Amino acid sequence: MLAVNYSTIRKNFKTYCDEASDNGETVIITRKNEKNVVIMSLEQYNQIMKAARNAEYLSMIDRAMEQLAAGKGQQHELIEVDDD
């Protein structure tokens, strides 16, 4: 992980983008008033987003299991669909 100030990033933007995309480096751009931002590869970003979606999905399943265990589930008849 690299931390670089805004002025340095402006002067060497391509270099830091290459670090992120080619070497998997995360670049933190430090700015005034703690308004920092991050540069990372799209691949790394997609992995993080996938992990977040998976965690959200698993949490939803956990909540549903807790509701079932507490007797808050409902039983339904299955709908039969003809293959026609």
C-alpha atoms as a PDB file:
ATOM      1  CA  MET A   1       0.000   0.000   0.000  1.00  0.00           C
ATOM      2  CA  LEU A   2       1.341   3.382  -0.999  1.00  0.00           C
ATOM      3  CA  ALA A   3       0.333   6.743   0.451  1.00  0.00           C
ATOM      4  CA  VAL A   4       0.990   9.699  -1.826  1.00  0.00           C
ATOM      5  CA  ASN A   5      -0.037  13.330  -1.560  1.00  0.00           C
ATOM      6  CA  TYR A   6      -2.212  15.000  -4.171  1.00  0.00           C
ATOM      7  CA  SER A   7       0.609  17.023  -5.761  1.00  0.00           C
ATOM      8  CA  THR A   8       2.808  13.964  -6.267  1.00  0.00           C
ATOM      9  CA  ILE A   9      -0.064  12.003  -7.835  1.00  0.00           C
ATOM     10  CA  ARG A  10      -0.744  14.815 -10.296  1.00  0.00           C
ATOM     11  CA  LYS A  11       2.874  14.828 -11.434  1.00  0.00           C
ATOM     12  CA  ASN A  12       3.152  11.021 -11.702  1.00  0.00           C
ATOM     13  CA  PHE A  13      -0.413   9.887 -12.339  1.00  0.00           C
ATOM     14  CA  LYS A  14       0.439   7.278 -15.007  1.00  0.00           C
ATOM     15  CA  THR A  15       3.151   5.741 -12.821  1.00  0.00           C
ATOM     16  CA  TYR A  16       0.764   5.246  -9.900  1.00  0.00           C
ATOM     17  CA  CYS A  17      -2.019   3.952 -12.151  1.00  0.00           C
ATOM     18  CA  ASP A  18       0.461   1.411 -13.532  1.00  0.00           C
ATOM     19  CA  GLU A  19       1.426   0.417  -9.988  1.00  0.00           C
ATOM     20  CA  ALA A  20      -2.230  -0.244  -9.218  1.00  0.00           C
ATOM     21  CA  SER A  21      -3.115  -2.086 -12.422  1.00  0.00           C
ATOM     22  CA  ASP A  22       0.137  -3.944 -13.133  1.00  0.00           C
ATOM     23  CA  ASN A  23       1.416  -4.682  -9.625  1.00  0.00           C
ATOM     24  CA  GLY A  24      -1.818  -4.887  -7.621  1.00  0.00           C
ATOM     25  CA  GLU A  25      -0.730  -1.959  -5.474  1.00  0.00           C
ATOM     26  CA  THR A  26      -3.297   0.098  -3.575  1.00  0.00           C
ATOM     27  CA  VAL A  27      -2.515   3.815  -3.734  1.00  0.00           C
ATOM     28  CA  ILE A  28      -3.973   6.155  -1.133  1.00  0.00           C
ATOM     29  CA  ILE A  29      -4.093   9.770  -2.238  1.00  0.00           C
ATOM     30  CA  THR A  30      -3.850  11.963   0.838  1.00  0.00           C
ATOM     31  CA  ARG A  31      -5.761  15.233   0.720  1.00  0.00           C
ATOM     32  CA  LYS A  32      -6.582  18.084   3.059  1.00  0.00           C
ATOM     33  CA  ASN A  33      -9.227  17.598   5.738  1.00  0.00           C
ATOM     34  CA  GLU A  34      -8.945  13.785   5.644  1.00  0.00           C
ATOM     35  CA  LYS A  35     -10.733  13.600   2.248  1.00  0.00           C
ATOM     36  CA  ASN A  36      -8.452  10.796   1.083  1.00  0.00           C
ATOM     37  CA  VAL A  37      -9.211   8.616  -1.929  1.00  0.00           C
ATOM     38  CA  VAL A  38      -7.890   5.281  -3.198  1.00  0.00           C
ATOM     39  CA  ILE A  39      -6.652   4.063  -6.573  1.00  0.00           C
ATOM     40  CA  MET A  40      -6.816   0.313  -7.159  1.00  0.00           C
ATOM     41  CA  SER A  41      -7.145  -2.000 -10.122  1.00  0.00           C
ATOM     42  CA  LEU A  42     -10.595  -2.822 -11.437  1.00  0.00           C
ATOM     43  CA  GLU A  43      -9.896  -6.501 -10.719  1.00  0.00           C
ATOM     44  CA  GLN A  44      -9.176  -5.736  -7.063  1.00  0.00           C
ATOM     45  CA  TYR A  45     -12.265  -3.509  -6.832  1.00  0.00           C
ATOM     46  CA  ASN A  46     -14.462  -6.241  -8.334  1.00  0.00           C
ATOM     47  CA  GLN A  47     -13.109  -8.783  -5.821  1.00  0.00           C
ATOM     48  CA  ILE A  48     -13.937  -6.461  -2.927  1.00  0.00           C
ATOM     49  CA  MET A  49     -17.443  -5.801  -4.242  1.00  0.00           C
ATOM     50  CA  LYS A  50     -18.060  -9.524  -4.764  1.00  0.00           C
ATOM     51  CA  ALA A  51     -16.938 -10.261  -1.208  1.00  0.00           C
ATOM     52  CA  ALA A  52     -19.266  -7.535   0.108  1.00  0.00           C
ATOM     53  CA  ARG A  53     -22.225  -8.936  -1.845  1.00  0.00           C
ATOM     54  CA  ASN A  54     -21.443 -12.454  -0.604  1.00  0.00           C
ATOM     55  CA  ALA A  55     -21.248 -11.239   2.996  1.00  0.00           C
ATOM     56  CA  GLU A  56     -24.588  -9.446   2.601  1.00  0.00           C
ATOM     57  CA  TYR A  57     -26.186 -12.572   1.114  1.00  0.00           C
ATOM     58  CA  LEU A  58     -24.855 -14.804   3.907  1.00  0.00           C
ATOM     59  CA  SER A  59     -26.118 -12.332   6.493  1.00  0.00           C
ATOM     60  CA  MET A  60     -29.575 -12.470   4.896  1.00  0.00           C
ATOM     61  CA  ILE A  61     -29.517 -16.278   5.074  1.00  0.00           C
ATOM     62  CA  ASP A  62     -28.457 -16.122   8.742  1.00  0.00           C
ATOM     63  CA  ARG A  63     -31.373 -13.783   9.545  1.00  0.00           C
ATOM     64  CA  ALA A  64     -33.789 -16.112   7.743  1.00  0.00           C
ATOM     65  CA  MET A  65     -32.468 -19.128   9.671  1.00  0.00           C
ATOM     66  CA  GLU A  66     -32.925 -17.226  12.945  1.00  0.00           C
ATOM     67  CA  GLN A  67     -36.508 -16.377  11.976  1.00  0.00           C
ATOM     68  CA  LEU A  68     -37.228 -20.024  11.153  1.00  0.00           C
ATOM     69  CA  ALA A  69     -35.733 -21.156  14.459  1.00  0.00           C
ATOM     70  CA  ALA A  70     -37.961 -18.624  16.250  1.00  0.00           C
ATOM     71  CA  GLY A  71     -41.030 -20.128  14.577  1.00  0.00           C
ATOM     72  CA  LYS A  72     -41.635 -17.187  12.260  1.00  0.00           C
ATOM     73  CA  GLY A  73     -41.595 -19.230   9.044  1.00  0.00           C
ATOM     74  CA  GLN A  74     -44.548 -19.965   6.797  1.00  0.00           C
ATOM     75  CA  GLN A  75     -45.336 -23.209   5.004  1.00  0.00           C
ATOM     76  CA  HIS A  76     -46.530 -23.058   1.378  1.00  0.00           C
ATOM     77  CA  GLU A  77     -47.763 -25.630  -1.101  1.00  0.00           C
ATOM     78  CA  LEU A  78     -45.480 -26.201  -4.075  1.00  0.00           C
ATOM     79  CA  ILE A  79     -46.799 -25.099  -7.442  1.00  0.00           C
ATOM     80  CA  GLU A  80     -46.607 -27.816 -10.078  1.00  0.00           C
ATOM     81  CA  VAL A  81     -45.654 -26.593 -13.552  1.00  0.00           C
ATOM     82  CA  ASP A  82     -46.528 -28.649 -16.649  1.00  0.00           C
ATOM     83  CA  ASP A  83     -43.653 -29.309 -19.040  1.00  0.00           C
ATOM     84  CA  ASP A  84     -45.837 -28.415 -22.034  1.00  0.00           C
END
